[in-house]
Amino acid sequence: MAGETWDVVVIGAGPGGYVAAIRCAQHGLKTLCIDKGLLGGVCLNVGCIPSKALIHASKVFRKAKDGAAMGVIANDLQVDMGAMQAWKTGITTKLSQGIGGLFKGNKVSHLAGTAKLAGQGKLEVKGNDGQTQTVAYRQLILATGSTPIQIPGFAWSDRILDSTGALALAEVPKTMAILGGGVIGLELCDVFARLGCQCTVIEAAPQLLGSMDADVVQPVQRKQAKLDVKHLLGTKALGQESLPDGRVRVTVETAGKTSTLEVDRVLVAVGRRPN
């Protein structure tokens, strides 16, 4: 690709970037899409699609578990998290490869690497193979996506997870604290609660899903309560400490009073910020 000048370069191969790249190519523009990760970005690989896959799998498990009322007896019902993760990954891999097929069919070129601006009309791209090259362009589209927000006192670890880590767990934890009662936190709460995890949602606002009408939120809250999910509303997470047994003690504050809870995992789902 050295020495070439592209009509359009798109940085980011998520739902914004790969669609933009395909559309530009369909209009006859010589187009290159650059991304260090798998085609499809966060949404397809570690967001919307895998979460919906695990939601579906957890619903199948829960229906089988509750089937006795309909005369469906499932003795010794178990969750094989490794097999569930492999099934989920198979779905995302197939869809990501499908985007590669769309690129090929629409004559979009793809470069796996990390790009940074290097002057007017130029990018410096470090490929995933470690090689660096300069890419020249006439027009540039930035579609670099977003990253989970990390909050003070909750550094990422094997016990303190972002949504990507939670979607890749190799086993179902017995207990989990979920910081954030938004869409991401509640979706993943549904998954693990159905699979048998005791979940506690910690939300600083007085209501779950704060941007939505209370009439919409109430059925969600009632449904989660039936899964034994605890909701701590108007509650802030102040910090955490690792315990000798591998669990995590989370300190929270509600109406000026502090308390603690001990869990196996903490999921931080307080939102995302642009890259």
C-alpha atoms as a PDB file:
ATOM      1  CA  MET A   1       0.000   0.000   0.000  1.00  0.00           C
ATOM      2  CA  ALA A   2       3.048   2.265   0.197  1.00  0.00           C
ATOM      3  CA  GLY A   3       3.021   5.026  -2.403  1.00  0.00           C
ATOM      4  CA  GLU A   4      -0.737   4.846  -2.934  1.00  0.00           C
ATOM      5  CA  THR A   5      -3.113   7.719  -2.233  1.00  0.00           C
ATOM      6  CA  TRP A   6      -6.585   6.711  -1.139  1.00  0.00           C
ATOM      7  CA  ASP A   7      -9.696   8.730  -1.922  1.00  0.00           C
ATOM      8  CA  VAL A   8     -11.053   7.830   1.524  1.00  0.00           C
ATOM      9  CA  VAL A   9      -9.483   6.227   4.575  1.00  0.00           C
ATOM     10  CA  VAL A  10     -11.762   5.110   7.390  1.00  0.00           C
ATOM     11  CA  ILE A  11     -10.241   4.554  10.824  1.00  0.00           C
ATOM     12  CA  GLY A  12     -12.433   2.066  12.642  1.00  0.00           C
ATOM     13  CA  ALA A  13     -14.252  -1.027  11.385  1.00  0.00           C
ATOM     14  CA  GLY A  14     -17.243  -0.934  13.703  1.00  0.00           C
ATOM     15  CA  PRO A  15     -20.865  -0.309  12.680  1.00  0.00           C
ATOM     16  CA  GLY A  16     -20.027   3.296  11.801  1.00  0.00           C
ATOM     17  CA  GLY A  17     -16.741   2.665  10.023  1.00  0.00           C
ATOM     18  CA  TYR A  18     -17.343  -0.454   7.965  1.00  0.00           C
ATOM     19  CA  VAL A  19     -20.702   0.809   6.675  1.00  0.00           C
ATOM     20  CA  ALA A  20     -19.127   4.161   5.730  1.00  0.00           C
ATOM     21  CA  ALA A  21     -16.268   2.382   3.956  1.00  0.00           C
ATOM     22  CA  ILE A  22     -18.615   0.162   1.942  1.00  0.00           C
ATOM     23  CA  ARG A  23     -20.816   3.112   0.969  1.00  0.00           C
ATOM     24  CA  CYS A  24     -17.814   5.166  -0.175  1.00  0.00           C
ATOM     25  CA  ALA A  25     -16.574   2.274  -2.303  1.00  0.00           C
ATOM     26  CA  GLN A  26     -20.029   1.832  -3.809  1.00  0.00           C
ATOM     27  CA  HIS A  27     -19.748   5.435  -5.003  1.00  0.00           C
ATOM     28  CA  GLY A  28     -16.538   4.613  -6.832  1.00  0.00           C
ATOM     29  CA  LEU A  29     -14.075   5.963  -4.268  1.00  0.00           C
ATOM     30  CA  LYS A  30     -10.833   4.095  -3.626  1.00  0.00           C
ATOM     31  CA  THR A  31     -11.356   3.194   0.024  1.00  0.00           C
ATOM     32  CA  LEU A  32      -9.204   1.769   2.822  1.00  0.00           C
ATOM     33  CA  CYS A  33     -10.496   0.786   6.277  1.00  0.00           C
ATOM     34  CA  ILE A  34      -8.015   0.535   9.173  1.00  0.00           C
ATOM     35  CA  ASP A  35      -8.716  -1.205  12.493  1.00  0.00           C
ATOM     36  CA  LYS A  36      -6.501  -3.030  14.981  1.00  0.00           C
ATOM     37  CA  GLY A  37      -9.280  -5.418  15.995  1.00  0.00           C
ATOM     38  CA  LEU A  38     -11.767  -7.740  14.371  1.00  0.00           C
ATOM     39  CA  LEU A  39     -14.107  -6.376  11.724  1.00  0.00           C
ATOM     40  CA  GLY A  40     -17.379  -5.296  13.284  1.00  0.00           C
ATOM     41  CA  GLY A  41     -15.853  -3.436  16.214  1.00  0.00           C
ATOM     42  CA  VAL A  42     -17.162  -3.478  19.770  1.00  0.00           C
ATOM     43  CA  CYS A  43     -20.813  -4.005  18.856  1.00  0.00           C
ATOM     44  CA  LEU A  44     -20.315  -7.195  16.888  1.00  0.00           C
ATOM     45  CA  ASN A  45     -17.410  -8.735  18.808  1.00  0.00           C
ATOM     46  CA  VAL A  46     -17.637  -7.653  22.461  1.00  0.00           C
ATOM     47  CA  GLY A  47     -20.923  -5.766  22.769  1.00  0.00           C
ATOM     48  CA  CYS A  48     -24.401  -5.987  21.312  1.00  0.00           C
ATOM     49  CA  ILE A  49     -24.163  -9.302  19.460  1.00  0.00           C
ATOM     50  CA  PRO A  50     -22.384 -11.462  22.073  1.00  0.00           C
ATOM     51  CA  SER A  51     -24.571 -10.037  24.846  1.00  0.00           C
ATOM     52  CA  LYS A  52     -27.723 -10.973  22.922  1.00  0.00           C
ATOM     53  CA  ALA A  53     -26.291 -14.442  22.293  1.00  0.00           C
ATOM     54  CA  LEU A  54     -25.689 -14.979  26.018  1.00  0.00           C
ATOM     55  CA  ILE A  55     -29.112 -13.516  26.844  1.00  0.00           C
ATOM     56  CA  HIS A  56     -30.705 -16.086  24.545  1.00  0.00           C
ATOM     57  CA  ALA A  57     -28.646 -18.939  26.013  1.00  0.00           C
ATOM     58  CA  SER A  58     -29.505 -17.895  29.575  1.00  0.00           C
ATOM     59  CA  LYS A  59     -33.212 -17.786  28.684  1.00  0.00           C
ATOM     60  CA  VAL A  60     -33.013 -21.348  27.325  1.00  0.00           C
ATOM     61  CA  PHE A  61     -31.409 -22.472  30.591  1.00  0.00           C
ATOM     62  CA  ARG A  62     -33.981 -20.664  32.727  1.00  0.00           C
ATOM     63  CA  LYS A  63     -36.926 -22.057  30.753  1.00  0.00           C
ATOM     64  CA  ALA A  64     -35.590 -25.577  31.154  1.00  0.00           C
ATOM     65  CA  LYS A  65     -35.021 -24.995  34.869  1.00  0.00           C
ATOM     66  CA  ASP A  66     -38.563 -23.668  35.363  1.00  0.00           C
ATOM     67  CA  GLY A  67     -40.181 -26.255  33.086  1.00  0.00           C
ATOM     68  CA  ALA A  68     -41.547 -28.493  35.843  1.00  0.00           C
ATOM     69  CA  ALA A  69     -44.761 -26.453  35.980  1.00  0.00           C
ATOM     70  CA  MET A  70     -45.399 -27.490  32.378  1.00  0.00           C
ATOM     71  CA  GLY A  71     -44.381 -31.087  32.972  1.00  0.00           C
ATOM     72  CA  VAL A  72     -40.886 -30.656  31.562  1.00  0.00           C
ATOM     73  CA  ILE A  73     -38.469 -32.192  34.076  1.00  0.00           C
ATOM     74  CA  ALA A  74     -34.794 -31.440  33.536  1.00  0.00           C
ATOM     75  CA  ASN A  75     -32.807 -33.271  36.186  1.00  0.00           C
ATOM     76  CA  ASP A  76     -29.154 -32.393  36.872  1.00  0.00           C
ATOM     77  CA  LEU A  77     -29.379 -29.288  34.677  1.00  0.00           C
ATOM     78  CA  GLN A  78     -25.955 -27.665  34.334  1.00  0.00           C
ATOM     79  CA  VAL A  79     -24.278 -24.717  32.646  1.00  0.00           C
ATOM     80  CA  ASP A  80     -21.158 -25.473  30.581  1.00  0.00           C
ATOM     81  CA  MET A  81     -19.819 -21.945  30.349  1.00  0.00           C
ATOM     82  CA  GLY A  82     -16.946 -22.996  28.103  1.00  0.00           C
ATOM     83  CA  ALA A  83     -19.331 -24.479  25.547  1.00  0.00           C
ATOM     84  CA  MET A  84     -21.623 -21.440  25.824  1.00  0.00           C
ATOM     85  CA  GLN A  85     -18.697 -19.093  25.195  1.00  0.00           C
ATOM     86  CA  ALA A  86     -17.584 -21.177  22.205  1.00  0.00           C
ATOM     87  CA  TRP A  87     -21.112 -21.026  20.756  1.00  0.00           C
ATOM     88  CA  LYS A  88     -21.189 -17.250  21.246  1.00  0.00           C
ATOM     89  CA  THR A  89     -17.760 -16.815  19.666  1.00  0.00           C
ATOM     90  CA  GLY A  90     -18.819 -18.911  16.699  1.00  0.00           C
ATOM     91  CA  ILE A  91     -21.659 -16.465  16.040  1.00  0.00           C
ATOM     92  CA  THR A  92     -19.476 -13.348  16.251  1.00  0.00           C
ATOM     93  CA  THR A  93     -16.690 -14.920  14.173  1.00  0.00           C
ATOM     94  CA  LYS A  94     -19.087 -15.824  11.379  1.00  0.00           C
ATOM     95  CA  LEU A  95     -20.553 -12.306  11.324  1.00  0.00           C
ATOM     96  CA  SER A  96     -17.108 -10.678  11.371  1.00  0.00           C
ATOM     97  CA  GLN A  97     -16.023 -12.851   8.454  1.00  0.00           C
ATOM     98  CA  GLY A  98     -19.212 -11.777   6.686  1.00  0.00           C
ATOM     99  CA  ILE A  99     -18.054  -8.166   6.864  1.00  0.00           C
ATOM    100  CA  GLY A 100     -14.786  -9.280   5.272  1.00  0.00           C
ATOM    101  CA  GLY A 101     -16.866 -10.742   2.466  1.00  0.00           C
ATOM    102  CA  LEU A 102     -18.732  -7.452   2.076  1.00  0.00           C
ATOM    103  CA  PHE A 103     -15.411  -5.598   1.903  1.00  0.00           C
ATOM    104  CA  LYS A 104     -14.163  -7.926  -0.811  1.00  0.00           C
ATOM    105  CA  GLY A 105     -17.419  -7.741  -2.766  1.00  0.00           C
ATOM    106  CA  ASN A 106     -17.422  -3.935  -2.682  1.00  0.00           C
ATOM    107  CA  LYS A 107     -13.652  -3.535  -3.274  1.00  0.00           C
ATOM    108  CA  VAL A 108     -12.860  -2.049   0.137  1.00  0.00           C
ATOM    109  CA  SER A 109      -9.265  -2.630   1.226  1.00  0.00           C
ATOM    110  CA  HIS A 110      -8.567  -3.504   4.859  1.00  0.00           C
ATOM    111  CA  LEU A 111      -5.441  -2.886   6.918  1.00  0.00           C
ATOM    112  CA  ALA A 112      -5.085  -4.388  10.420  1.00  0.00           C
ATOM    113  CA  GLY A 113      -3.254  -1.913  12.610  1.00  0.00           C
ATOM    114  CA  THR A 114      -3.314   1.291  14.649  1.00  0.00           C
ATOM    115  CA  ALA A 115      -3.356   4.648  12.857  1.00  0.00           C
ATOM    116  CA  LYS A 116      -2.383   8.121  13.995  1.00  0.00           C
ATOM    117  CA  LEU A 117      -2.352  11.453  12.182  1.00  0.00           C
ATOM    118  CA  ALA A 118       1.023  12.316  10.676  1.00  0.00           C
ATOM    119  CA  GLY A 119       0.436  15.657   8.962  1.00  0.00           C
ATOM    120  CA  GLN A 120      -1.931  16.896   6.280  1.00  0.00           C
ATOM    121  CA  GLY A 121      -3.257  13.990   4.256  1.00  0.00           C
ATOM    122  CA  LYS A 122      -1.036  11.404   5.930  1.00  0.00           C
ATOM    123  CA  LEU A 123      -1.376   8.662   8.521  1.00  0.00           C
ATOM    124  CA  GLU A 124       1.251   6.602  10.276  1.00  0.00           C
ATOM    125  CA  VAL A 125      -0.041   3.051  10.647  1.00  0.00           C
ATOM    126  CA  LYS A 126       1.579   0.456  12.869  1.00  0.00           C
ATOM    127  CA  GLY A 127       0.370  -2.894  11.614  1.00  0.00           C
ATOM    128  CA  ASN A 128      -0.560  -5.758  13.907  1.00  0.00           C
ATOM    129  CA  ASP A 129       2.542  -7.444  12.456  1.00  0.00           C
ATOM    130  CA  GLY A 130       4.708  -4.681  13.995  1.00  0.00           C
ATOM    131  CA  GLN A 131       5.552  -3.007  10.669  1.00  0.00           C
ATOM    132  CA  THR A 132       4.978   0.737  10.282  1.00  0.00           C
ATOM    133  CA  GLN A 133       3.976   2.467   7.058  1.00  0.00           C
ATOM    134  CA  THR A 134       2.693   5.840   5.881  1.00  0.00           C
ATOM    135  CA  VAL A 135      -0.741   5.997   4.287  1.00  0.00           C
ATOM    136  CA  ALA A 136      -1.808   8.995   2.173  1.00  0.00           C
ATOM    137  CA  TYR A 137      -5.456  10.040   1.821  1.00  0.00           C
ATOM    138  CA  ARG A 138      -7.673  12.752   0.361  1.00  0.00           C
ATOM    139  CA  GLN A 139     -10.551  12.363   2.834  1.00  0.00           C
ATOM    140  CA  LEU A 140     -10.512  10.828   6.314  1.00  0.00           C
ATOM    141  CA  ILE A 141     -13.404   9.392   8.331  1.00  0.00           C
ATOM    142  CA  LEU A 142     -12.873   8.862  12.064  1.00  0.00           C
ATOM    143  CA  ALA A 143     -15.089   6.103  13.461  1.00  0.00           C
ATOM    144  CA  THR A 144     -12.997   4.987  16.409  1.00  0.00           C
ATOM    145  CA  GLY A 145     -15.783   3.900  18.751  1.00  0.00           C
ATOM    146  CA  SER A 146     -15.735   4.009  22.530  1.00  0.00           C
ATOM    147  CA  THR A 147     -14.170   2.489  25.648  1.00  0.00           C
ATOM    148  CA  PRO A 148     -15.733   1.516  29.005  1.00  0.00           C
ATOM    149  CA  ILE A 149     -15.417   4.226  31.638  1.00  0.00           C
ATOM    150  CA  GLN A 150     -13.159   3.287  34.533  1.00  0.00           C
ATOM    151  CA  ILE A 151     -14.019   4.823  37.904  1.00  0.00           C
ATOM    152  CA  PRO A 152     -11.579   5.690  40.718  1.00  0.00           C
ATOM    153  CA  GLY A 153     -10.853   2.834  43.087  1.00  0.00           C
ATOM    154  CA  PHE A 154     -11.927   0.113  40.666  1.00  0.00           C
ATOM    155  CA  ALA A 155      -8.894  -0.701  38.516  1.00  0.00           C
ATOM    156  CA  TRP A 156      -9.461  -3.476  35.980  1.00  0.00           C
ATOM    157  CA  SER A 157      -8.369  -6.934  37.117  1.00  0.00           C
ATOM    158  CA  ASP A 158      -9.508 -10.538  36.958  1.00  0.00           C
ATOM    159  CA  ARG A 159     -12.080  -9.615  39.634  1.00  0.00           C
ATOM    160  CA  ILE A 160     -12.998  -6.075  38.529  1.00  0.00           C
ATOM    161  CA  LEU A 161     -14.457  -6.406  35.041  1.00  0.00           C
ATOM    162  CA  ASP A 162     -15.626  -4.206  32.225  1.00  0.00           C
ATOM    163  CA  SER A 163     -18.353  -5.441  29.864  1.00  0.00           C
ATOM    164  CA  THR A 164     -15.784  -7.139  27.609  1.00  0.00           C
ATOM    165  CA  GLY A 165     -14.423  -9.140  30.534  1.00  0.00           C
ATOM    166  CA  ALA A 166     -17.887 -10.085  31.753  1.00  0.00           C
ATOM    167  CA  LEU A 167     -18.851 -11.375  28.308  1.00  0.00           C
ATOM    168  CA  ALA A 168     -15.809 -13.678  28.333  1.00  0.00           C
ATOM    169  CA  LEU A 169     -16.110 -15.235  31.803  1.00  0.00           C
ATOM    170  CA  ALA A 170     -15.141 -18.911  31.809  1.00  0.00           C
ATOM    171  CA  GLU A 171     -17.456 -19.727  34.719  1.00  0.00           C
ATOM    172  CA  VAL A 172     -20.575 -18.342  36.349  1.00  0.00           C
ATOM    173  CA  PRO A 173     -19.645 -16.510  39.566  1.00  0.00           C
ATOM    174  CA  LYS A 174     -21.746 -17.193  42.641  1.00  0.00           C
ATOM    175  CA  THR A 175     -22.119 -13.486  43.395  1.00  0.00           C
ATOM    176  CA  MET A 176     -21.605 -10.295  41.413  1.00  0.00           C
ATOM    177  CA  ALA A 177     -21.904  -6.568  42.106  1.00  0.00           C
ATOM    178  CA  ILE A 178     -22.854  -4.513  39.066  1.00  0.00           C
ATOM    179  CA  LEU A 179     -21.956  -0.828  39.227  1.00  0.00           C
ATOM    180  CA  GLY A 180     -24.410   0.970  36.988  1.00  0.00           C
ATOM    181  CA  GLY A 181     -28.083   0.385  36.337  1.00  0.00           C
ATOM    182  CA  GLY A 182     -28.072   1.307  32.658  1.00  0.00           C
ATOM    183  CA  VAL A 183     -28.695  -0.867  29.623  1.00  0.00           C
ATOM    184  CA  ILE A 184     -25.299  -2.612  29.654  1.00  0.00           C
ATOM    185  CA  GLY A 185     -25.356  -3.390  33.366  1.00  0.00           C
ATOM    186  CA  LEU A 186     -28.923  -4.681  33.361  1.00  0.00           C
ATOM    187  CA  GLU A 187     -28.470  -6.830  30.235  1.00  0.00           C
ATOM    188  CA  LEU A 188     -25.481  -8.610  31.744  1.00  0.00           C
ATOM    189  CA  CYS A 189     -27.252  -8.792  35.090  1.00  0.00           C
ATOM    190  CA  ASP A 190     -30.080 -10.679  33.342  1.00  0.00           C
ATOM    191  CA  VAL A 191     -27.613 -13.157  31.835  1.00  0.00           C
ATOM    192  CA  PHE A 192     -25.815 -14.057  35.049  1.00  0.00           C
ATOM    193  CA  ALA A 193     -28.910 -13.975  37.269  1.00  0.00           C
ATOM    194  CA  ARG A 194     -30.636 -16.498  34.984  1.00  0.00           C
ATOM    195  CA  LEU A 195     -27.554 -18.714  35.127  1.00  0.00           C
ATOM    196  CA  GLY A 196     -27.679 -18.782  38.932  1.00  0.00           C
ATOM    197  CA  CYS A 197     -25.503 -15.852  40.027  1.00  0.00           C
ATOM    198  CA  GLN A 198     -26.724 -13.685  42.924  1.00  0.00           C
ATOM    199  CA  CYS A 199     -26.509 -10.180  41.423  1.00  0.00           C
ATOM    200  CA  THR A 200     -26.622  -6.811  43.171  1.00  0.00           C
ATOM    201  CA  VAL A 201     -27.053  -3.691  41.030  1.00  0.00           C
ATOM    202  CA  ILE A 202     -25.601  -0.504  42.532  1.00  0.00           C
ATOM    203  CA  GLU A 203     -26.995   2.669  40.936  1.00  0.00           C
ATOM    204  CA  ALA A 204     -26.236   6.211  42.101  1.00  0.00           C
ATOM    205  CA  ALA A 205     -29.442   7.634  40.611  1.00  0.00           C
ATOM    206  CA  PRO A 206     -32.830   7.079  42.278  1.00  0.00           C
ATOM    207  CA  GLN A 207     -34.027   4.988  39.309  1.00  0.00           C
ATOM    208  CA  LEU A 208     -32.680   2.281  37.031  1.00  0.00           C
ATOM    209  CA  LEU A 209     -32.363   3.208  33.343  1.00  0.00           C
ATOM    210  CA  GLY A 210     -32.416   6.866  34.298  1.00  0.00           C
ATOM    211  CA  SER A 211     -33.081   8.212  30.791  1.00  0.00           C
ATOM    212  CA  MET A 212     -36.296   6.194  30.447  1.00  0.00           C
ATOM    213  CA  ASP A 213     -39.832   6.714  31.742  1.00  0.00           C
ATOM    214  CA  ALA A 214     -40.608   5.145  35.100  1.00  0.00           C
ATOM    215  CA  ASP A 215     -43.529   3.220  33.543  1.00  0.00           C
ATOM    216  CA  VAL A 216     -41.027   1.410  31.329  1.00  0.00           C
ATOM    217  CA  VAL A 217     -38.500   0.821  34.101  1.00  0.00           C
ATOM    218  CA  GLN A 218     -40.881  -0.749  36.625  1.00  0.00           C
ATOM    219  CA  PRO A 219     -41.531  -3.979  34.656  1.00  0.00           C
ATOM    220  CA  VAL A 220     -37.770  -4.432  34.179  1.00  0.00           C
ATOM    221  CA  GLN A 221     -37.163  -3.999  37.893  1.00  0.00           C
ATOM    222  CA  ARG A 222     -39.960  -6.420  38.822  1.00  0.00           C
ATOM    223  CA  LYS A 223     -38.692  -9.012  36.359  1.00  0.00           C
ATOM    224  CA  GLN A 224     -35.192  -8.835  37.808  1.00  0.00           C
ATOM    225  CA  ALA A 225     -36.570  -9.063  41.341  1.00  0.00           C
ATOM    226  CA  LYS A 226     -38.088 -12.429  40.369  1.00  0.00           C
ATOM    227  CA  LEU A 227     -34.535 -13.526  39.528  1.00  0.00           C
ATOM    228  CA  ASP A 228     -33.505 -12.523  43.093  1.00  0.00           C
ATOM    229  CA  VAL A 229     -31.592  -9.478  41.845  1.00  0.00           C
ATOM    230  CA  LYS A 230     -31.070  -6.818  44.507  1.00  0.00           C
ATOM    231  CA  HIS A 231     -31.247  -3.162  43.454  1.00  0.00           C
ATOM    232  CA  LEU A 232     -29.431  -0.575  45.582  1.00  0.00           C
ATOM    233  CA  LEU A 233     -30.724   2.739  44.242  1.00  0.00           C
ATOM    234  CA  GLY A 234     -29.417   6.146  45.277  1.00  0.00           C
ATOM    235  CA  THR A 235     -26.222   4.316  46.214  1.00  0.00           C
ATOM    236  CA  LYS A 236     -22.623   5.179  45.362  1.00  0.00           C
ATOM    237  CA  ALA A 237     -19.726   2.715  45.190  1.00  0.00           C
ATOM    238  CA  LEU A 238     -16.906   4.250  47.219  1.00  0.00           C
ATOM    239  CA  GLY A 239     -14.195   1.635  46.787  1.00  0.00           C
ATOM    240  CA  GLN A 240     -13.175  -1.994  47.000  1.00  0.00           C
ATOM    241  CA  GLU A 241     -10.572  -4.256  48.525  1.00  0.00           C
ATOM    242  CA  SER A 242      -9.388  -7.728  47.619  1.00  0.00           C
ATOM    243  CA  LEU A 243      -9.927 -10.375  50.286  1.00  0.00           C
ATOM    244  CA  PRO A 244      -7.591 -13.313  51.013  1.00  0.00           C
ATOM    245  CA  ASP A 245     -10.180 -15.801  49.709  1.00  0.00           C
ATOM    246  CA  GLY A 246     -10.216 -14.102  46.294  1.00  0.00           C
ATOM    247  CA  ARG A 247     -13.495 -12.285  46.832  1.00  0.00           C
ATOM    248  CA  VAL A 248     -13.956  -8.514  46.708  1.00  0.00           C
ATOM    249  CA  ARG A 249     -15.377  -6.313  49.458  1.00  0.00           C
ATOM    250  CA  VAL A 250     -17.232  -3.322  47.992  1.00  0.00           C
ATOM    251  CA  THR A 251     -17.969  -0.271  50.128  1.00  0.00           C
ATOM    252  CA  VAL A 252     -21.119   1.677  49.250  1.00  0.00           C
ATOM    253  CA  GLU A 253     -22.894   4.751  50.574  1.00  0.00           C
ATOM    254  CA  THR A 254     -26.667   5.205  50.735  1.00  0.00           C
ATOM    255  CA  ALA A 255     -28.211   8.359  52.203  1.00  0.00           C
ATOM    256  CA  GLY A 256     -24.973   9.179  54.012  1.00  0.00           C
ATOM    257  CA  LYS A 257     -24.560   5.720  55.542  1.00  0.00           C
ATOM    258  CA  THR A 258     -21.831   3.327  54.471  1.00  0.00           C
ATOM    259  CA  SER A 259     -22.053  -0.435  54.239  1.00  0.00           C
ATOM    260  CA  THR A 260     -20.182  -3.271  52.531  1.00  0.00           C
ATOM    261  CA  LEU A 261     -20.945  -6.347  50.473  1.00  0.00           C
ATOM    262  CA  GLU A 262     -18.650  -9.221  49.502  1.00  0.00           C
ATOM    263  CA  VAL A 263     -18.824 -10.675  46.001  1.00  0.00           C
ATOM    264  CA  ASP A 264     -16.855 -12.907  43.646  1.00  0.00           C
ATOM    265  CA  ARG A 265     -16.818 -10.413  40.767  1.00  0.00           C
ATOM    266  CA  VAL A 266     -17.510  -6.708  40.214  1.00  0.00           C
ATOM    267  CA  LEU A 267     -18.780  -5.487  36.861  1.00  0.00           C
ATOM    268  CA  VAL A 268     -18.231  -1.770  36.208  1.00  0.00           C
ATOM    269  CA  ALA A 269     -20.907  -0.651  33.735  1.00  0.00           C
ATOM    270  CA  VAL A 270     -21.243   3.082  34.297  1.00  0.00           C
ATOM    271  CA  GLY A 271     -21.068   4.015  30.626  1.00  0.00           C
ATOM    272  CA  ARG A 272     -18.593   4.462  27.794  1.00  0.00           C
ATOM    273  CA  ARG A 273     -16.482   7.365  26.509  1.00  0.00           C
ATOM    274  CA  PRO A 274     -15.407   8.104  22.931  1.00  0.00           C
ATOM    275  CA  ASN A 275     -11.942   6.985  21.863  1.00  0.00           C
END
